[in-house]
Amino acid sequence: MASRAVQLVLLIATIGVWSVEATRARAEDDPAALAAALKDTTATLQGGLKASEREGTPISAKFEIEGGKLQLSVYTMKGDSYKEVVADPKTGTISEAEEIKDADDLKAATAQKAAMAKAKVPLLTATETAVKANAGSRAVSIYPQLQNGNATAEVTLLQGTTFKKVTEKLD
């Protein structure tokens, strides 16, 4: 009898993990849901980048739906450590900052750090430049990368319900 109970608990836990993963995948694959979630948000990506500076140098930022809730997530670096700083999407204030430990997140942060090592322009400035060049748009994410040895940033902008990606030079 106890064996069946353990099997049932394991099955429920597995379904819960699948459900969380499915929610995360749908949010990333469903731009309409993200656009709808951002509709009444007053915080900006630029504000999140600024607020996160107390935890280190920002190396990427994005609005995302995590666990069914909108959040503003900024990766920062300080020395050889990385943190994910989460800001409230309504106020822009930091609600948590924790060390990045997940292997995939560490891999992404390491690649972002490599791009930022060649950058002469901070992400905040690149974000502001992209928004100014695209009147009526708001920045939704920014990721630095190396292209042919040059530091660039991919900025995703949202205007109404339309997303647009632009590239800004960082060097």
Protein backbone atom coordinates (compact mmCIF):
# COMPACT_ATOMS: atom_id res chain seq x y z
CA MET A 1 0.00 0.00 0.00
CA ALA A 2 2.80 2.41 0.93
CA SER A 3 4.46 1.66 -2.41
CA ARG A 4 1.36 2.78 -4.31
CA ALA A 5 1.22 5.99 -2.27
CA VAL A 6 4.85 6.73 -3.09
CA GLN A 7 4.19 6.03 -6.78
CA LEU A 8 1.18 8.36 -6.72
CA VAL A 9 3.18 11.15 -5.05
CA LEU A 10 5.97 10.74 -7.64
CA LEU A 11 3.43 10.82 -10.48
CA ILE A 12 1.81 14.00 -9.12
CA ALA A 13 5.23 15.64 -8.66
CA THR A 14 6.24 14.71 -12.22
CA ILE A 15 3.00 16.12 -13.64
CA GLY A 16 3.59 19.31 -11.62
CA VAL A 17 7.08 19.72 -13.12
CA TRP A 18 5.72 19.14 -16.62
CA SER A 19 3.00 21.69 -15.96
CA VAL A 20 5.52 24.34 -14.81
CA GLU A 21 7.75 23.65 -17.82
CA ALA A 22 4.76 23.81 -20.17
CA THR A 23 3.70 27.17 -18.68
CA ARG A 24 7.22 28.55 -19.15
CA ALA A 25 7.42 27.27 -22.74
CA ARG A 26 4.02 28.71 -23.66
CA ALA A 27 4.97 32.13 -22.31
CA GLU A 28 8.11 32.23 -24.44
CA ASP A 29 6.29 30.90 -27.49
CA ASP A 30 3.23 33.11 -27.06
CA PRO A 31 4.14 36.72 -27.81
CA ALA A 32 0.45 37.71 -27.64
CA ALA A 33 0.32 36.63 -23.97
CA LEU A 34 3.44 38.65 -23.21
CA ALA A 35 2.08 41.71 -25.05
CA ALA A 36 -1.19 41.44 -23.12
CA ALA A 37 0.66 41.08 -19.79
CA LEU A 38 2.75 44.18 -20.57
CA LYS A 39 -0.26 46.32 -21.52
CA ASP A 40 -0.76 47.91 -18.09
CA THR A 41 2.84 47.68 -16.88
CA THR A 42 4.49 50.95 -15.96
CA ALA A 43 8.00 49.61 -15.25
CA THR A 44 10.48 49.76 -18.12
CA LEU A 45 13.37 47.57 -19.14
CA GLN A 46 15.59 50.64 -18.72
CA GLY A 47 14.38 51.09 -15.13
CA GLY A 48 15.10 47.42 -14.40
CA LEU A 49 18.60 47.76 -15.83
CA LYS A 50 19.23 50.82 -13.62
CA ALA A 51 17.78 49.25 -10.47
CA SER A 52 19.82 46.06 -10.94
CA GLU A 53 23.14 47.94 -10.96
CA ARG A 54 23.29 47.67 -7.15
CA GLU A 55 23.78 43.89 -7.64
CA GLY A 56 26.45 44.22 -10.36
CA THR A 57 26.83 45.09 -14.04
CA PRO A 58 23.71 44.20 -16.06
CA ILE A 59 24.49 41.67 -18.81
CA SER A 60 20.95 40.97 -20.09
CA ALA A 61 17.35 41.80 -19.27
CA LYS A 62 13.88 40.65 -20.24
CA PHE A 63 10.24 40.77 -19.35
CA GLU A 64 8.96 37.21 -19.06
CA ILE A 65 6.05 35.21 -17.79
CA GLU A 66 7.31 32.89 -15.06
CA GLY A 67 4.86 30.64 -13.22
CA GLY A 68 1.96 32.47 -14.83
CA LYS A 69 3.13 35.89 -13.59
CA LEU A 70 4.88 38.70 -15.43
CA GLN A 71 8.32 39.62 -14.11
CA LEU A 72 11.30 41.70 -15.16
CA SER A 73 14.48 39.64 -14.96
CA VAL A 74 18.00 41.08 -15.22
CA TYR A 75 21.21 39.03 -15.18
CA THR A 76 24.11 40.82 -13.53
CA MET A 77 27.77 40.03 -13.03
CA LYS A 78 30.20 41.01 -10.33
CA GLY A 79 33.65 39.47 -10.61
CA ASP A 80 33.13 35.80 -11.42
CA SER A 81 29.64 35.55 -9.95
CA TYR A 82 26.28 36.03 -11.61
CA LYS A 83 22.91 36.97 -10.18
CA GLU A 84 19.39 37.03 -11.48
CA VAL A 85 17.71 40.18 -10.25
CA VAL A 86 13.92 40.12 -10.40
CA ALA A 87 12.05 43.42 -10.39
CA ASP A 88 8.34 43.99 -9.87
CA PRO A 89 6.85 44.80 -13.32
CA LYS A 90 4.46 47.35 -11.82
CA THR A 91 6.95 49.38 -9.77
CA GLY A 92 10.37 48.41 -11.13
CA THR A 93 11.67 47.81 -7.60
CA ILE A 94 13.82 44.78 -6.94
CA SER A 95 11.89 41.96 -5.29
CA GLU A 96 14.72 39.41 -5.19
CA ALA A 97 18.31 38.80 -6.26
CA GLU A 98 19.83 35.36 -6.18
CA GLU A 99 22.98 33.71 -7.44
CA ILE A 100 22.59 31.90 -10.75
CA LYS A 101 23.30 28.19 -10.28
CA ASP A 102 21.37 26.46 -13.09
CA ALA A 103 23.81 25.08 -15.70
CA ASP A 104 21.92 26.49 -18.73
CA ASP A 105 21.52 29.91 -17.09
CA LEU A 106 25.24 29.93 -16.18
CA LYS A 107 26.14 29.08 -19.77
CA ALA A 108 24.00 31.99 -21.04
CA ALA A 109 25.45 34.38 -18.45
CA THR A 110 29.02 33.36 -19.37
CA ALA A 111 28.35 34.05 -23.07
CA GLN A 112 26.77 37.41 -22.18
CA LYS A 113 29.78 38.29 -20.02
CA ALA A 114 32.11 37.52 -22.96
CA ALA A 115 30.15 39.91 -25.18
CA MET A 116 30.08 42.61 -22.50
CA ALA A 117 33.86 42.30 -22.04
CA LYS A 118 34.22 43.77 -25.55
CA ALA A 119 31.42 46.31 -25.13
CA LYS A 120 32.10 50.01 -24.73
CA VAL A 121 28.40 50.90 -24.57
CA PRO A 122 26.31 49.80 -21.53
CA LEU A 123 23.08 47.89 -22.10
CA LEU A 124 21.08 50.79 -20.69
CA THR A 125 22.42 53.15 -23.37
CA ALA A 126 21.83 50.59 -26.14
CA THR A 127 18.26 50.07 -24.94
CA GLU A 128 17.57 53.81 -24.82
CA THR A 129 19.02 54.22 -28.34
CA ALA A 130 16.79 51.46 -29.73
CA VAL A 131 13.66 52.89 -28.11
CA LYS A 132 14.41 56.44 -29.33
CA ALA A 133 14.94 55.19 -32.89
CA ASN A 134 11.59 53.38 -32.82
CA ALA A 135 9.06 55.92 -31.59
CA GLY A 136 6.10 54.45 -29.74
CA SER A 137 7.94 51.23 -28.90
CA ARG A 138 9.02 49.85 -25.55
CA ALA A 139 11.97 47.55 -24.93
CA VAL A 140 11.01 44.02 -23.88
CA SER A 141 14.45 42.36 -23.81
CA ILE A 142 18.13 42.93 -24.52
CA TYR A 143 20.82 40.28 -25.00
CA PRO A 144 24.46 41.02 -25.81
CA GLN A 145 26.29 38.78 -28.26
CA LEU A 146 29.44 38.61 -30.32
CA GLN A 147 29.00 38.89 -34.08
CA ASN A 148 32.19 38.51 -36.09
CA GLY A 149 34.15 39.43 -32.97
CA ASN A 150 32.13 42.61 -32.41
CA ALA A 151 29.89 43.22 -29.41
CA THR A 152 26.26 43.83 -30.33
CA ALA A 153 22.96 43.62 -28.52
CA GLU A 154 19.70 42.22 -29.79
CA VAL A 155 16.88 44.40 -28.51
CA THR A 156 13.29 43.21 -28.76
CA LEU A 157 10.79 46.04 -28.99
CA LEU A 158 7.02 46.00 -28.64
CA GLN A 159 4.65 48.46 -30.26
CA GLY A 160 1.01 47.63 -29.58
CA THR A 161 0.99 43.88 -30.21
CA THR A 162 3.84 43.83 -32.74
CA PHE A 163 7.33 42.70 -31.75
CA LYS A 164 10.42 43.84 -33.61
CA LYS A 165 14.08 42.87 -33.10
CA VAL A 166 16.83 45.40 -33.72
CA THR A 167 20.58 45.18 -33.32
CA GLU A 168 22.57 47.85 -31.50
CA LYS A 169 26.37 48.13 -31.60
CA LEU A 170 28.05 47.90 -28.23
CA ASP A 171 31.62 48.61 -29.32
